[in-house]
Amino acid sequence: MQESCLNSKVCGWCWNTKTCIPGNEKGPLAPCLRGRYEFGSPKNTFNPLNTDNVKITRSNVQGAQLTTITPN
């Protein structure tokens, strides 16, 4: 259910309620705790750090992909 929600253009995943709620890339359009709303899965090239010298690790945690980005 979570993956189909994240692949939609009209909703996102609210982690505190574990439900798919209306929203877009700017934020949720229904109640969801601050910082607990996710819209879309990050692209494989996503890098929030201001450097290209990073290590990207992907692992499966209880059925969900966890992506960790750390500077080298």
N, C-alpha and C. Protein backbone atom coordinates (compact mmCIF):
# COMPACT_ATOMS: atom_id res chain seq x y z
N MET A 1 0.82 -1.19 0.00
CA MET A 1 0.00 0.00 0.00
C MET A 1 0.87 1.26 0.00
N GLN A 2 1.93 1.27 0.80
CA GLN A 2 2.80 2.44 0.90
C GLN A 2 3.43 2.78 -0.46
N GLU A 3 3.94 1.78 -1.18
CA GLU A 3 4.58 2.04 -2.47
C GLU A 3 3.62 2.63 -3.48
N SER A 4 2.38 2.11 -3.55
CA SER A 4 1.41 2.66 -4.50
C SER A 4 1.06 4.09 -4.12
N CYS A 5 1.04 4.40 -2.84
CA CYS A 5 0.77 5.76 -2.37
C CYS A 5 1.91 6.69 -2.79
N LEU A 6 3.15 6.27 -2.61
CA LEU A 6 4.29 7.10 -2.94
C LEU A 6 4.45 7.30 -4.44
N ASN A 7 3.89 6.42 -5.25
CA ASN A 7 3.96 6.55 -6.70
C ASN A 7 2.81 7.36 -7.27
N SER A 8 1.90 7.83 -6.43
CA SER A 8 0.76 8.62 -6.86
C SER A 8 1.13 10.10 -6.89
N LYS A 9 0.48 10.86 -7.76
CA LYS A 9 0.75 12.29 -7.85
C LYS A 9 -0.22 13.12 -7.00
N VAL A 10 -1.18 12.47 -6.33
CA VAL A 10 -2.20 13.20 -5.57
C VAL A 10 -2.22 12.84 -4.09
N CYS A 11 -1.28 12.04 -3.63
CA CYS A 11 -1.26 11.68 -2.22
C CYS A 11 0.16 11.36 -1.77
N GLY A 12 0.34 11.27 -0.46
CA GLY A 12 1.62 10.94 0.13
C GLY A 12 1.40 10.09 1.37
N TRP A 13 2.49 9.61 1.94
CA TRP A 13 2.42 8.70 3.07
C TRP A 13 2.64 9.46 4.37
N CYS A 14 1.72 9.28 5.33
CA CYS A 14 1.86 9.88 6.65
C CYS A 14 2.38 8.78 7.58
N TRP A 15 3.63 8.93 8.04
CA TRP A 15 4.27 7.88 8.82
C TRP A 15 3.69 7.71 10.21
N ASN A 16 3.19 8.78 10.84
CA ASN A 16 2.67 8.60 12.19
C ASN A 16 1.34 7.86 12.20
N THR A 17 0.52 7.99 11.15
CA THR A 17 -0.74 7.25 11.09
C THR A 17 -0.63 6.01 10.21
N LYS A 18 0.48 5.92 9.46
CA LYS A 18 0.70 4.82 8.52
C LYS A 18 -0.46 4.70 7.53
N THR A 19 -0.85 5.86 6.97
CA THR A 19 -1.93 5.92 5.99
C THR A 19 -1.53 6.81 4.83
N CYS A 20 -2.19 6.58 3.71
CA CYS A 20 -2.03 7.39 2.51
C CYS A 20 -3.01 8.56 2.63
N ILE A 21 -2.50 9.80 2.52
CA ILE A 21 -3.37 10.96 2.67
C ILE A 21 -3.21 11.89 1.46
N PRO A 22 -4.20 12.73 1.18
CA PRO A 22 -4.08 13.68 0.07
C PRO A 22 -2.92 14.64 0.30
N GLY A 23 -2.22 14.97 -0.78
CA GLY A 23 -1.12 15.91 -0.67
C GLY A 23 -0.32 15.97 -1.96
N ASN A 24 0.74 16.76 -1.92
CA ASN A 24 1.63 16.89 -3.08
C ASN A 24 3.05 17.16 -2.57
N GLU A 25 3.95 17.56 -3.51
CA GLU A 25 5.34 17.77 -3.12
C GLU A 25 5.53 18.94 -2.16
N LYS A 26 4.52 19.81 -2.04
CA LYS A 26 4.62 20.94 -1.12
C LYS A 26 4.17 20.59 0.30
N GLY A 27 3.50 19.46 0.46
CA GLY A 27 3.08 19.04 1.79
C GLY A 27 1.74 18.34 1.80
N PRO A 28 1.33 17.88 2.98
CA PRO A 28 0.06 17.16 3.10
C PRO A 28 -1.13 18.11 3.02
N LEU A 29 -2.24 17.58 2.52
CA LEU A 29 -3.50 18.33 2.48
C LEU A 29 -4.48 17.76 3.49
N ALA A 30 -3.96 17.00 4.44
CA ALA A 30 -4.73 16.42 5.54
C ALA A 30 -3.81 16.43 6.76
N PRO A 31 -4.37 16.32 7.97
CA PRO A 31 -3.53 16.34 9.16
C PRO A 31 -2.47 15.23 9.17
N CYS A 32 -1.23 15.63 9.48
CA CYS A 32 -0.11 14.70 9.62
C CYS A 32 0.96 15.44 10.42
N LEU A 33 1.57 14.78 11.38
CA LEU A 33 2.60 15.44 12.20
C LEU A 33 3.72 16.01 11.33
N ARG A 34 4.22 17.15 11.74
CA ARG A 34 5.31 17.81 11.01
C ARG A 34 6.50 16.87 10.86
N GLY A 35 7.01 16.78 9.64
CA GLY A 35 8.17 15.94 9.37
C GLY A 35 7.85 14.46 9.18
N ARG A 36 6.57 14.10 9.22
CA ARG A 36 6.20 12.69 9.10
C ARG A 36 5.49 12.39 7.77
N TYR A 37 5.46 13.37 6.85
CA TYR A 37 4.80 13.22 5.56
C TYR A 37 5.85 12.97 4.48
N GLU A 38 5.62 11.97 3.64
CA GLU A 38 6.55 11.65 2.56
C GLU A 38 5.79 11.63 1.25
N PHE A 39 6.29 12.39 0.27
CA PHE A 39 5.68 12.42 -1.06
C PHE A 39 6.70 11.89 -2.06
N GLY A 40 6.45 10.73 -2.58
CA GLY A 40 7.32 10.14 -3.58
C GLY A 40 8.59 9.54 -3.01
N SER A 41 9.07 8.56 -3.69
CA SER A 41 10.33 7.93 -3.29
C SER A 41 11.49 8.75 -3.83
N PRO A 42 12.57 8.88 -3.07
CA PRO A 42 13.71 9.64 -3.59
C PRO A 42 14.34 8.92 -4.78
N LYS A 43 14.83 9.71 -5.73
CA LYS A 43 15.51 9.13 -6.89
C LYS A 43 16.84 8.53 -6.44
N ASN A 44 17.38 7.61 -7.23
CA ASN A 44 18.65 6.97 -6.88
C ASN A 44 19.79 7.97 -6.79
N THR A 45 19.66 9.13 -7.44
CA THR A 45 20.72 10.13 -7.44
C THR A 45 20.53 11.19 -6.35
N PHE A 46 19.51 11.04 -5.49
CA PHE A 46 19.23 12.02 -4.44
C PHE A 46 20.42 12.17 -3.51
N ASN A 47 20.83 13.42 -3.27
CA ASN A 47 21.96 13.70 -2.39
C ASN A 47 21.70 15.05 -1.71
N PRO A 48 21.34 15.06 -0.43
CA PRO A 48 21.06 16.32 0.26
C PRO A 48 22.32 17.07 0.70
N LEU A 49 23.49 16.45 0.54
CA LEU A 49 24.74 17.08 0.96
C LEU A 49 25.32 17.91 -0.19
N ASN A 50 26.08 18.95 0.14
CA ASN A 50 26.66 19.84 -0.86
C ASN A 50 28.00 19.33 -1.37
N THR A 51 28.10 18.04 -1.57
CA THR A 51 29.33 17.43 -2.07
C THR A 51 28.96 16.16 -2.85
N ASP A 52 29.80 15.84 -3.83
CA ASP A 52 29.59 14.60 -4.58
C ASP A 52 30.36 13.44 -3.96
N ASN A 53 31.17 13.72 -2.94
CA ASN A 53 32.00 12.70 -2.30
C ASN A 53 31.21 12.07 -1.15
N VAL A 54 30.24 11.21 -1.50
CA VAL A 54 29.37 10.59 -0.51
C VAL A 54 29.31 9.09 -0.70
N LYS A 55 28.90 8.42 0.35
CA LYS A 55 28.66 6.98 0.30
C LYS A 55 27.16 6.78 0.47
N ILE A 56 26.51 6.09 -0.49
CA ILE A 56 25.08 5.83 -0.44
C ILE A 56 24.89 4.35 -0.15
N THR A 57 24.18 4.05 0.93
CA THR A 57 23.90 2.68 1.33
C THR A 57 22.40 2.46 1.34
N ARG A 58 21.95 1.38 0.72
CA ARG A 58 20.53 1.04 0.73
C ARG A 58 20.37 -0.32 1.40
N SER A 59 19.40 -0.39 2.32
CA SER A 59 19.14 -1.65 3.01
C SER A 59 17.65 -1.82 3.21
N ASN A 60 17.23 -3.04 3.42
CA ASN A 60 15.83 -3.36 3.64
C ASN A 60 15.59 -3.47 5.14
N VAL A 61 14.67 -2.64 5.66
CA VAL A 61 14.33 -2.65 7.07
C VAL A 61 12.84 -2.92 7.21
N GLN A 62 12.51 -4.10 7.65
CA GLN A 62 11.11 -4.52 7.84
C GLN A 62 10.27 -4.28 6.59
N GLY A 63 10.84 -4.59 5.41
CA GLY A 63 10.10 -4.49 4.17
C GLY A 63 10.17 -3.13 3.49
N ALA A 64 10.80 -2.15 4.11
CA ALA A 64 10.92 -0.82 3.52
C ALA A 64 12.39 -0.54 3.21
N GLN A 65 12.65 0.18 2.12
CA GLN A 65 14.02 0.52 1.77
C GLN A 65 14.49 1.70 2.60
N LEU A 66 15.66 1.57 3.21
CA LEU A 66 16.29 2.64 3.96
C LEU A 66 17.52 3.07 3.18
N THR A 67 17.57 4.37 2.82
CA THR A 67 18.72 4.92 2.11
C THR A 67 19.47 5.82 3.07
N THR A 68 20.78 5.54 3.23
CA THR A 68 21.63 6.34 4.10
C THR A 68 22.70 7.00 3.24
N ILE A 69 22.85 8.32 3.40
CA ILE A 69 23.86 9.08 2.64
C ILE A 69 24.81 9.71 3.65
N THR A 70 26.09 9.36 3.55
CA THR A 70 27.09 9.90 4.48
C THR A 70 28.28 10.43 3.68
N PRO A 71 28.92 11.50 4.18
CA PRO A 71 30.11 12.00 3.49
C PRO A 71 31.25 11.01 3.62
N ASN A 72 32.08 10.93 2.61
CA ASN A 72 33.27 10.07 2.64
C ASN A 72 34.38 10.75 3.37
